[in-house]
Amino acid sequence: MGSKLRQRLAALVTTVIFGFILWKILERTFVVIWVQTPWWGLLIMLLVLYFLISYSINRLFGSSDS
């Protein structure tokens, strides 16, 4: 598999997994998150979650760019 194709596939998988997890979390705790967490806290949590998923997928596909 080419390096460019691997990177695109990893980005697609990261986006799909991130979207699915975000959808499930917000589906269950939408009101609790918005009431208890400040907006900046929610953004930090989303960024950390995205980078964790992205790092994991890049390791899985063996992509050298992180």
N, C-alpha and C. Protein backbone atom coordinates (compact mmCIF):
# COMPACT_ATOMS: atom_id res chain seq x y z
N MET A 1 0.84 -1.17 0.00
CA MET A 1 0.00 0.00 0.00
C MET A 1 0.89 1.24 0.00
N GLY A 2 0.54 2.23 -0.80
CA GLY A 2 1.35 3.43 -0.87
C GLY A 2 1.23 4.27 0.39
N SER A 3 2.24 5.08 0.62
CA SER A 3 2.29 5.91 1.82
C SER A 3 1.14 6.92 1.84
N LYS A 4 0.86 7.52 0.69
CA LYS A 4 -0.20 8.52 0.60
C LYS A 4 -1.56 7.90 0.85
N LEU A 5 -1.77 6.72 0.28
CA LEU A 5 -3.04 6.02 0.47
C LEU A 5 -3.21 5.62 1.93
N ARG A 6 -2.14 5.19 2.57
CA ARG A 6 -2.17 4.83 3.98
C ARG A 6 -2.55 6.01 4.85
N GLN A 7 -2.00 7.17 4.54
CA GLN A 7 -2.31 8.38 5.30
C GLN A 7 -3.77 8.76 5.14
N ARG A 8 -4.28 8.70 3.92
CA ARG A 8 -5.68 9.04 3.68
C ARG A 8 -6.62 8.07 4.35
N LEU A 9 -6.28 6.79 4.30
CA LEU A 9 -7.10 5.78 4.95
C LEU A 9 -7.08 5.97 6.46
N ALA A 10 -5.93 6.28 7.02
CA ALA A 10 -5.82 6.53 8.46
C ALA A 10 -6.64 7.75 8.86
N ALA A 11 -6.61 8.80 8.06
CA ALA A 11 -7.40 9.99 8.36
C ALA A 11 -8.90 9.69 8.29
N LEU A 12 -9.31 8.91 7.31
CA LEU A 12 -10.71 8.55 7.19
C LEU A 12 -11.18 7.71 8.37
N VAL A 13 -10.38 6.72 8.74
CA VAL A 13 -10.73 5.86 9.87
C VAL A 13 -10.78 6.68 11.16
N THR A 14 -9.82 7.59 11.35
CA THR A 14 -9.81 8.45 12.53
C THR A 14 -11.08 9.29 12.60
N THR A 15 -11.47 9.87 11.49
CA THR A 15 -12.66 10.71 11.47
C THR A 15 -13.92 9.91 11.77
N VAL A 16 -14.03 8.73 11.19
CA VAL A 16 -15.21 7.89 11.43
C VAL A 16 -15.28 7.44 12.88
N ILE A 17 -14.17 7.00 13.44
CA ILE A 17 -14.17 6.56 14.84
C ILE A 17 -14.46 7.73 15.77
N PHE A 18 -13.84 8.87 15.51
CA PHE A 18 -14.07 10.05 16.34
C PHE A 18 -15.54 10.47 16.28
N GLY A 19 -16.10 10.49 15.09
CA GLY A 19 -17.50 10.86 14.93
C GLY A 19 -18.44 9.90 15.64
N PHE A 20 -18.17 8.61 15.54
CA PHE A 20 -19.01 7.62 16.19
C PHE A 20 -18.95 7.75 17.71
N ILE A 21 -17.75 7.89 18.25
CA ILE A 21 -17.61 8.04 19.70
C ILE A 21 -18.26 9.33 20.17
N LEU A 22 -18.05 10.41 19.47
CA LEU A 22 -18.66 11.68 19.84
C LEU A 22 -20.18 11.58 19.80
N TRP A 23 -20.72 10.96 18.78
CA TRP A 23 -22.17 10.79 18.67
C TRP A 23 -22.72 9.99 19.85
N LYS A 24 -22.06 8.89 20.21
CA LYS A 24 -22.52 8.06 21.32
C LYS A 24 -22.42 8.80 22.66
N ILE A 25 -21.35 9.53 22.87
CA ILE A 25 -21.20 10.28 24.12
C ILE A 25 -22.27 11.36 24.22
N LEU A 26 -22.43 12.12 23.15
CA LEU A 26 -23.41 13.21 23.20
C LEU A 26 -24.84 12.69 23.25
N GLU A 27 -25.08 11.53 22.69
CA GLU A 27 -26.40 10.93 22.73
C GLU A 27 -26.82 10.62 24.17
N ARG A 28 -25.88 10.15 24.96
CA ARG A 28 -26.17 9.74 26.35
C ARG A 28 -26.10 10.90 27.35
N THR A 29 -25.15 11.79 27.15
CA THR A 29 -24.89 12.79 28.19
C THR A 29 -24.96 14.22 27.68
N PHE A 30 -25.78 14.48 26.71
CA PHE A 30 -25.84 15.81 26.11
C PHE A 30 -26.13 16.90 27.14
N VAL A 31 -27.16 16.71 27.95
CA VAL A 31 -27.55 17.71 28.94
C VAL A 31 -26.50 17.83 30.03
N VAL A 32 -25.98 16.71 30.50
CA VAL A 32 -25.00 16.74 31.60
C VAL A 32 -23.74 17.47 31.17
N ILE A 33 -23.26 17.21 29.97
CA ILE A 33 -22.04 17.87 29.49
C ILE A 33 -22.25 19.37 29.39
N TRP A 34 -23.35 19.80 28.80
CA TRP A 34 -23.57 21.22 28.59
C TRP A 34 -23.82 21.96 29.89
N VAL A 35 -24.39 21.31 30.89
CA VAL A 35 -24.67 21.97 32.16
C VAL A 35 -23.42 22.01 33.05
N GLN A 36 -22.68 20.92 33.12
CA GLN A 36 -21.58 20.80 34.07
C GLN A 36 -20.23 21.28 33.55
N THR A 37 -20.02 21.27 32.26
CA THR A 37 -18.70 21.57 31.70
C THR A 37 -18.71 22.92 30.99
N PRO A 38 -17.71 23.76 31.28
CA PRO A 38 -17.63 25.02 30.52
C PRO A 38 -17.26 24.72 29.06
N TRP A 39 -17.54 25.65 28.18
CA TRP A 39 -17.34 25.42 26.74
C TRP A 39 -15.88 25.11 26.43
N TRP A 40 -14.96 25.77 27.13
CA TRP A 40 -13.54 25.54 26.85
C TRP A 40 -13.12 24.15 27.33
N GLY A 41 -13.73 23.66 28.40
CA GLY A 41 -13.43 22.31 28.87
C GLY A 41 -13.87 21.27 27.87
N LEU A 42 -15.04 21.50 27.27
CA LEU A 42 -15.55 20.58 26.25
C LEU A 42 -14.62 20.56 25.03
N LEU A 43 -14.14 21.73 24.62
CA LEU A 43 -13.22 21.80 23.48
C LEU A 43 -11.91 21.07 23.78
N ILE A 44 -11.40 21.23 24.98
CA ILE A 44 -10.16 20.53 25.35
C ILE A 44 -10.38 19.03 25.34
N MET A 45 -11.51 18.57 25.90
CA MET A 45 -11.80 17.13 25.90
C MET A 45 -11.90 16.59 24.48
N LEU A 46 -12.56 17.33 23.59
CA LEU A 46 -12.69 16.89 22.20
C LEU A 46 -11.34 16.83 21.50
N LEU A 47 -10.49 17.82 21.73
CA LEU A 47 -9.16 17.81 21.11
C LEU A 47 -8.32 16.65 21.61
N VAL A 48 -8.34 16.40 22.91
CA VAL A 48 -7.58 15.29 23.46
C VAL A 48 -8.08 13.97 22.90
N LEU A 49 -9.39 13.80 22.84
CA LEU A 49 -9.97 12.58 22.28
C LEU A 49 -9.57 12.39 20.83
N TYR A 50 -9.63 13.46 20.03
CA TYR A 50 -9.26 13.37 18.63
C TYR A 50 -7.79 12.98 18.45
N PHE A 51 -6.91 13.61 19.22
CA PHE A 51 -5.49 13.31 19.09
C PHE A 51 -5.15 11.90 19.55
N LEU A 52 -5.84 11.41 20.58
CA LEU A 52 -5.63 10.04 21.02
C LEU A 52 -6.05 9.04 19.94
N ILE A 53 -7.19 9.29 19.33
CA ILE A 53 -7.66 8.40 18.26
C ILE A 53 -6.72 8.49 17.06
N SER A 54 -6.33 9.69 16.69
CA SER A 54 -5.43 9.89 15.55
C SER A 54 -4.09 9.19 15.77
N TYR A 55 -3.54 9.32 16.96
CA TYR A 55 -2.28 8.67 17.28
C TYR A 55 -2.41 7.15 17.20
N SER A 56 -3.50 6.63 17.75
CA SER A 56 -3.72 5.18 17.74
C SER A 56 -3.86 4.65 16.31
N ILE A 57 -4.60 5.34 15.48
CA ILE A 57 -4.80 4.91 14.09
C ILE A 57 -3.49 5.00 13.32
N ASN A 58 -2.72 6.07 13.54
CA ASN A 58 -1.43 6.20 12.85
C ASN A 58 -0.48 5.08 13.25
N ARG A 59 -0.50 4.69 14.51
CA ARG A 59 0.32 3.57 14.95
C ARG A 59 -0.16 2.27 14.32
N LEU A 60 -1.47 2.11 14.22
CA LEU A 60 -2.05 0.90 13.64
C LEU A 60 -1.66 0.75 12.17
N PHE A 61 -1.73 1.84 11.42
CA PHE A 61 -1.42 1.79 9.99
C PHE A 61 0.06 1.98 9.69
N GLY A 62 0.85 2.24 10.72
CA GLY A 62 2.30 2.37 10.52
C GLY A 62 2.70 3.63 9.79
N SER A 63 1.90 4.66 9.87
CA SER A 63 2.21 5.92 9.21
C SER A 63 3.31 6.63 9.99
N SER A 64 4.30 7.15 9.29
CA SER A 64 5.42 7.82 9.96
C SER A 64 5.06 9.24 10.38
N ASP A 65 4.08 9.86 9.71
CA ASP A 65 3.65 11.22 10.06
C ASP A 65 2.59 11.14 11.14
N SER A 66 2.75 11.95 12.19
CA SER A 66 1.77 11.98 13.28
C SER A 66 1.16 13.34 13.39
